[in-house]
Amino acid sequence: QVRLVESGGGLVQAGGSLRLSCEASVSTFTIKVIGWYRQAPGKQRELVAHISSGDQTTYADSVKGRFTISRDSAKNTVYLQMNSLKPEDTAVYYCQTVVSYLLTTYDYWGQGTQVTVSS
């Protein structure tokens, strides 16, 4: 079984920074990609950033240059450093991973962590 535990959300003023962490317990699965989505009230869930097993990164245009995703493979932990935060970054942030076992891939989500940016 796979479990994702997020931490690091909170309340911050515009222009401030936060770092989110997601620790993945993956047992015998192999992480193919891991990253972050977010969902603001009344909006659809959207990709923020993810990083592949080969360390390729993808960012939403809205966060490029402000957010940085990184991972510690030894700890199966992914981080999202968020700088220059804006009120529009306010959302619940979800860790998500795609893992593989034998020839099948599976999709898992964390419980979410609230990020609130005040103006």
N, C-alpha and C. Protein backbone atom coordinates (compact mmCIF):
# COMPACT_ATOMS: atom_id res chain seq x y z
N GLN A 1 0.85 -1.20 0.00
CA GLN A 1 0.00 0.00 0.00
C GLN A 1 0.88 1.23 0.00
N VAL A 2 0.33 2.34 -0.48
CA VAL A 2 1.05 3.60 -0.58
C VAL A 2 0.36 4.63 0.30
N ARG A 3 1.16 5.36 1.05
CA ARG A 3 0.60 6.42 1.89
C ARG A 3 1.41 7.69 1.70
N LEU A 4 0.70 8.81 1.56
CA LEU A 4 1.34 10.11 1.39
C LEU A 4 0.96 10.99 2.56
N VAL A 5 1.95 11.56 3.22
CA VAL A 5 1.72 12.43 4.37
C VAL A 5 2.30 13.80 4.08
N GLU A 6 1.42 14.79 4.02
CA GLU A 6 1.83 16.16 3.69
C GLU A 6 2.00 16.98 4.96
N SER A 7 2.85 17.97 4.88
CA SER A 7 3.02 18.91 5.98
C SER A 7 3.55 20.23 5.42
N GLY A 8 3.44 21.28 6.23
CA GLY A 8 4.05 22.55 5.87
C GLY A 8 3.09 23.64 5.44
N GLY A 9 1.81 23.35 5.34
CA GLY A 9 0.87 24.40 4.97
C GLY A 9 0.69 25.40 6.10
N GLY A 10 -0.04 26.46 5.81
CA GLY A 10 -0.30 27.45 6.83
C GLY A 10 -0.74 28.77 6.24
N LEU A 11 -0.68 29.80 7.09
CA LEU A 11 -1.08 31.15 6.71
C LEU A 11 0.16 32.01 6.56
N VAL A 12 0.24 32.73 5.47
CA VAL A 12 1.40 33.59 5.22
C VAL A 12 0.93 34.85 4.50
N GLN A 13 1.65 35.92 4.68
CA GLN A 13 1.33 37.15 3.98
C GLN A 13 1.84 37.11 2.55
N ALA A 14 1.21 37.87 1.69
CA ALA A 14 1.66 37.97 0.30
C ALA A 14 3.13 38.38 0.27
N GLY A 15 3.86 37.71 -0.62
CA GLY A 15 5.29 37.96 -0.71
C GLY A 15 6.12 37.02 0.14
N GLY A 16 5.47 36.29 1.02
CA GLY A 16 6.17 35.37 1.91
C GLY A 16 6.45 34.02 1.26
N SER A 17 6.98 33.12 2.08
CA SER A 17 7.38 31.80 1.60
C SER A 17 6.85 30.69 2.51
N LEU A 18 6.65 29.55 1.92
CA LEU A 18 6.31 28.33 2.65
C LEU A 18 6.99 27.17 1.95
N ARG A 19 7.25 26.11 2.72
CA ARG A 19 7.75 24.89 2.11
C ARG A 19 6.85 23.73 2.51
N LEU A 20 6.33 23.06 1.50
CA LEU A 20 5.51 21.88 1.71
C LEU A 20 6.38 20.64 1.59
N SER A 21 6.04 19.64 2.39
CA SER A 21 6.73 18.35 2.32
C SER A 21 5.70 17.25 2.17
N CYS A 22 6.10 16.22 1.46
CA CYS A 22 5.24 15.05 1.29
C CYS A 22 6.13 13.81 1.41
N GLU A 23 5.89 13.05 2.45
CA GLU A 23 6.64 11.81 2.64
C GLU A 23 5.80 10.65 2.13
N ALA A 24 6.39 9.88 1.24
CA ALA A 24 5.68 8.76 0.63
C ALA A 24 6.17 7.44 1.21
N SER A 25 5.24 6.66 1.72
CA SER A 25 5.53 5.29 2.13
C SER A 25 5.03 4.40 1.00
N VAL A 26 5.96 3.76 0.29
CA VAL A 26 5.57 3.11 -0.96
C VAL A 26 5.75 1.60 -0.96
N SER A 27 6.24 1.03 0.14
CA SER A 27 6.38 -0.42 0.23
C SER A 27 7.17 -0.95 -0.98
N THR A 28 6.56 -1.86 -1.75
CA THR A 28 7.28 -2.48 -2.87
C THR A 28 7.04 -1.75 -4.19
N PHE A 29 6.31 -0.65 -4.16
CA PHE A 29 6.04 0.09 -5.38
C PHE A 29 7.24 0.97 -5.77
N THR A 30 7.28 1.36 -7.02
CA THR A 30 8.31 2.27 -7.52
C THR A 30 7.65 3.58 -7.92
N ILE A 31 8.17 4.69 -7.41
CA ILE A 31 7.62 5.98 -7.75
C ILE A 31 8.04 6.36 -9.16
N LYS A 32 7.05 6.64 -10.01
CA LYS A 32 7.34 7.08 -11.37
C LYS A 32 7.37 8.61 -11.44
N VAL A 33 6.40 9.22 -10.77
CA VAL A 33 6.34 10.68 -10.70
C VAL A 33 5.64 11.05 -9.41
N ILE A 34 6.03 12.18 -8.84
CA ILE A 34 5.42 12.64 -7.62
C ILE A 34 5.37 14.16 -7.65
N GLY A 35 4.32 14.73 -7.10
CA GLY A 35 4.24 16.18 -7.14
C GLY A 35 3.04 16.73 -6.41
N TRP A 36 2.67 17.93 -6.81
CA TRP A 36 1.65 18.68 -6.10
C TRP A 36 0.58 19.20 -7.05
N TYR A 37 -0.65 19.08 -6.59
CA TYR A 37 -1.80 19.71 -7.21
C TYR A 37 -2.40 20.66 -6.17
N ARG A 38 -3.26 21.55 -6.63
CA ARG A 38 -3.96 22.41 -5.70
C ARG A 38 -5.39 22.63 -6.18
N GLN A 39 -6.23 22.94 -5.21
CA GLN A 39 -7.63 23.21 -5.53
C GLN A 39 -8.11 24.37 -4.67
N ALA A 40 -8.47 25.44 -5.34
CA ALA A 40 -9.04 26.60 -4.67
C ALA A 40 -10.56 26.46 -4.64
N PRO A 41 -11.22 27.14 -3.72
CA PRO A 41 -12.68 27.04 -3.63
C PRO A 41 -13.35 27.40 -4.95
N GLY A 42 -14.24 26.54 -5.40
CA GLY A 42 -14.98 26.80 -6.62
C GLY A 42 -14.21 26.56 -7.90
N LYS A 43 -12.99 26.05 -7.77
CA LYS A 43 -12.17 25.81 -8.97
C LYS A 43 -11.79 24.35 -9.07
N GLN A 44 -11.37 23.97 -10.27
CA GLN A 44 -10.93 22.59 -10.47
C GLN A 44 -9.53 22.39 -9.91
N ARG A 45 -9.25 21.16 -9.57
CA ARG A 45 -7.90 20.82 -9.11
C ARG A 45 -6.94 20.99 -10.29
N GLU A 46 -5.78 21.58 -10.02
CA GLU A 46 -4.81 21.83 -11.08
C GLU A 46 -3.42 21.40 -10.66
N LEU A 47 -2.63 21.03 -11.65
CA LEU A 47 -1.24 20.67 -11.39
C LEU A 47 -0.46 21.91 -11.00
N VAL A 48 0.34 21.78 -9.97
CA VAL A 48 1.27 22.84 -9.59
C VAL A 48 2.67 22.51 -10.11
N ALA A 49 3.15 21.33 -9.74
CA ALA A 49 4.48 20.90 -10.18
C ALA A 49 4.62 19.42 -9.90
N HIS A 50 5.41 18.74 -10.74
CA HIS A 50 5.76 17.37 -10.40
C HIS A 50 7.17 17.07 -10.89
N ILE A 51 7.71 16.01 -10.34
CA ILE A 51 9.07 15.60 -10.66
C ILE A 51 9.07 14.10 -10.91
N SER A 52 9.76 13.70 -11.96
CA SER A 52 9.78 12.30 -12.34
C SER A 52 10.93 11.57 -11.67
N SER A 53 10.93 10.26 -11.85
CA SER A 53 12.01 9.44 -11.30
C SER A 53 13.35 9.81 -11.93
N GLY A 54 13.31 10.40 -13.12
CA GLY A 54 14.52 10.87 -13.78
C GLY A 54 14.82 12.33 -13.49
N ASP A 55 14.13 12.90 -12.51
CA ASP A 55 14.33 14.28 -12.06
C ASP A 55 13.89 15.33 -13.08
N GLN A 56 13.03 14.95 -14.01
CA GLN A 56 12.45 15.95 -14.89
C GLN A 56 11.33 16.66 -14.14
N THR A 57 11.30 17.97 -14.25
CA THR A 57 10.29 18.74 -13.53
C THR A 57 9.33 19.42 -14.50
N THR A 58 8.12 19.58 -14.03
CA THR A 58 7.08 20.29 -14.77
C THR A 58 6.41 21.26 -13.81
N TYR A 59 6.17 22.47 -14.29
CA TYR A 59 5.52 23.50 -13.47
C TYR A 59 4.34 24.11 -14.22
N ALA A 60 3.34 24.49 -13.45
CA ALA A 60 2.28 25.31 -14.02
C ALA A 60 2.86 26.68 -14.35
N ASP A 61 2.37 27.28 -15.41
CA ASP A 61 2.88 28.60 -15.81
C ASP A 61 2.74 29.62 -14.69
N SER A 62 1.69 29.49 -13.91
CA SER A 62 1.40 30.47 -12.87
C SER A 62 2.41 30.45 -11.72
N VAL A 63 3.20 29.38 -11.62
CA VAL A 63 4.14 29.28 -10.50
C VAL A 63 5.60 29.27 -10.95
N LYS A 64 5.83 29.25 -12.24
CA LYS A 64 7.21 29.22 -12.75
C LYS A 64 7.98 30.43 -12.24
N GLY A 65 9.20 30.16 -11.77
CA GLY A 65 10.03 31.23 -11.25
C GLY A 65 9.78 31.55 -9.79
N ARG A 66 8.71 31.03 -9.23
CA ARG A 66 8.40 31.29 -7.82
C ARG A 66 8.46 30.00 -6.97
N PHE A 67 8.04 28.89 -7.55
CA PHE A 67 8.00 27.63 -6.83
C PHE A 67 9.10 26.71 -7.36
N THR A 68 9.64 25.90 -6.46
CA THR A 68 10.64 24.92 -6.84
C THR A 68 10.30 23.58 -6.21
N ILE A 69 10.25 22.54 -7.04
CA ILE A 69 10.00 21.19 -6.56
C ILE A 69 11.32 20.45 -6.51
N SER A 70 11.50 19.66 -5.46
CA SER A 70 12.71 18.85 -5.33
C SER A 70 12.34 17.59 -4.58
N ARG A 71 13.26 16.63 -4.62
CA ARG A 71 12.96 15.39 -3.89
C ARG A 71 14.22 14.82 -3.27
N ASP A 72 14.01 14.09 -2.20
CA ASP A 72 15.06 13.32 -1.54
C ASP A 72 14.68 11.87 -1.73
N SER A 73 15.32 11.22 -2.69
CA SER A 73 14.95 9.84 -3.03
C SER A 73 15.17 8.89 -1.87
N ALA A 74 16.21 9.13 -1.09
CA ALA A 74 16.52 8.24 0.03
C ALA A 74 15.40 8.27 1.07
N LYS A 75 14.73 9.42 1.18
CA LYS A 75 13.66 9.56 2.17
C LYS A 75 12.28 9.44 1.52
N ASN A 76 12.24 9.23 0.20
CA ASN A 76 10.95 9.20 -0.52
C ASN A 76 10.11 10.43 -0.16
N THR A 77 10.75 11.56 -0.16
CA THR A 77 10.09 12.80 0.22
C THR A 77 10.24 13.82 -0.89
N VAL A 78 9.14 14.51 -1.18
CA VAL A 78 9.17 15.57 -2.17
C VAL A 78 8.83 16.89 -1.47
N TYR A 79 9.49 17.94 -1.92
CA TYR A 79 9.33 19.25 -1.32
C TYR A 79 8.82 20.25 -2.36
N LEU A 80 8.06 21.22 -1.90
CA LEU A 80 7.65 22.31 -2.77
C LEU A 80 7.99 23.61 -2.04
N GLN A 81 9.04 24.27 -2.51
CA GLN A 81 9.41 25.56 -1.96
C GLN A 81 8.63 26.63 -2.69
N MET A 82 7.84 27.38 -1.94
CA MET A 82 6.97 28.38 -2.54
C MET A 82 7.42 29.77 -2.07
N ASN A 83 7.90 30.57 -3.00
CA ASN A 83 8.35 31.92 -2.71
C ASN A 83 7.45 32.94 -3.40
N SER A 84 7.54 34.17 -2.95
CA SER A 84 6.76 35.26 -3.55
C SER A 84 5.29 34.88 -3.66
N LEU A 85 4.75 34.36 -2.59
CA LEU A 85 3.37 33.87 -2.62
C LEU A 85 2.39 35.01 -2.85
N LYS A 86 1.33 34.66 -3.56
CA LYS A 86 0.28 35.61 -3.91
C LYS A 86 -1.05 35.12 -3.33
N PRO A 87 -2.00 36.02 -3.11
CA PRO A 87 -3.31 35.56 -2.61
C PRO A 87 -3.94 34.50 -3.51
N GLU A 88 -3.69 34.57 -4.81
CA GLU A 88 -4.27 33.57 -5.71
C GLU A 88 -3.63 32.20 -5.58
N ASP A 89 -2.58 32.07 -4.78
CA ASP A 89 -2.01 30.77 -4.49
C ASP A 89 -2.77 30.06 -3.37
N THR A 90 -3.70 30.76 -2.76
CA THR A 90 -4.49 30.15 -1.69
C THR A 90 -5.28 28.97 -2.22
N ALA A 91 -5.11 27.82 -1.57
CA ALA A 91 -5.76 26.59 -2.02
C ALA A 91 -5.41 25.47 -1.05
N VAL A 92 -6.07 24.35 -1.22
CA VAL A 92 -5.63 23.11 -0.58
C VAL A 92 -4.65 22.45 -1.54
N TYR A 93 -3.49 22.15 -1.04
CA TYR A 93 -2.43 21.54 -1.85
C TYR A 93 -2.39 20.03 -1.55
N TYR A 94 -2.42 19.26 -2.62
CA TYR A 94 -2.45 17.80 -2.50
C TYR A 94 -1.17 17.21 -3.10
N CYS A 95 -0.58 16.30 -2.38
CA CYS A 95 0.51 15.52 -2.91
C CYS A 95 -0.08 14.37 -3.72
N GLN A 96 0.52 14.08 -4.84
CA GLN A 96 0.04 13.01 -5.71
C GLN A 96 1.22 12.24 -6.26
N THR A 97 1.05 10.94 -6.39
CA THR A 97 2.11 10.14 -6.97
C THR A 97 1.54 9.07 -7.89
N VAL A 98 2.31 8.74 -8.90
CA VAL A 98 2.03 7.60 -9.75
C VAL A 98 3.14 6.59 -9.48
N VAL A 99 2.74 5.41 -9.08
CA VAL A 99 3.72 4.37 -8.75
C VAL A 99 3.47 3.16 -9.65
N SER A 100 4.46 2.32 -9.73
CA SER A 100 4.30 1.11 -10.53
C SER A 100 4.65 -0.11 -9.71
N TYR A 101 4.00 -1.19 -10.05
CA TYR A 101 4.32 -2.49 -9.47
C TYR A 101 4.09 -3.52 -10.55
N LEU A 102 5.14 -4.26 -10.87
CA LEU A 102 5.14 -5.16 -12.03
C LEU A 102 4.80 -4.31 -13.25
N LEU A 103 3.75 -4.57 -13.96
CA LEU A 103 3.44 -3.83 -15.19
C LEU A 103 2.25 -2.89 -15.03
N THR A 104 1.87 -2.62 -13.81
CA THR A 104 0.69 -1.80 -13.57
C THR A 104 1.06 -0.53 -12.83
N THR A 105 0.42 0.56 -13.19
CA THR A 105 0.63 1.82 -12.49
C THR A 105 -0.61 2.15 -11.66
N TYR A 106 -0.36 2.87 -10.58
CA TYR A 106 -1.41 3.25 -9.64
C TYR A 106 -1.23 4.72 -9.27
N ASP A 107 -2.32 5.35 -8.93
CA ASP A 107 -2.38 6.78 -8.64
C ASP A 107 -2.83 6.96 -7.19
N TYR A 108 -2.04 7.71 -6.41
CA TYR A 108 -2.40 7.93 -5.02
C TYR A 108 -2.36 9.41 -4.69
N TRP A 109 -3.21 9.80 -3.72
CA TRP A 109 -3.30 11.19 -3.28
C TRP A 109 -3.15 11.29 -1.77
N GLY A 110 -2.57 12.40 -1.34
CA GLY A 110 -2.53 12.71 0.07
C GLY A 110 -3.83 13.36 0.51
N GLN A 111 -3.90 13.69 1.79
CA GLN A 111 -5.14 14.23 2.35
C GLN A 111 -5.27 15.73 2.12
N GLY A 112 -4.20 16.38 1.72
CA GLY A 112 -4.24 17.81 1.45
C GLY A 112 -3.78 18.65 2.62
N THR A 113 -3.20 19.79 2.30
CA THR A 113 -2.78 20.75 3.32
C THR A 113 -3.17 22.14 2.86
N GLN A 114 -3.73 22.93 3.75
CA GLN A 114 -4.23 24.25 3.39
C GLN A 114 -3.10 25.27 3.35
N VAL A 115 -3.08 26.04 2.27
CA VAL A 115 -2.18 27.19 2.16
C VAL A 115 -3.05 28.43 1.97
N THR A 116 -2.88 29.39 2.85
CA THR A 116 -3.65 30.61 2.77
C THR A 116 -2.69 31.79 2.71
N VAL A 117 -2.84 32.61 1.67
CA VAL A 117 -1.97 33.78 1.49
C VAL A 117 -2.83 35.03 1.64
N SER A 118 -2.53 35.82 2.63
CA SER A 118 -3.30 37.03 2.89
C SER A 118 -2.69 38.22 2.15
N SER A 119 -3.56 39.12 1.75
CA SER A 119 -3.08 40.30 1.00
C SER A 119 -2.72 41.44 1.92
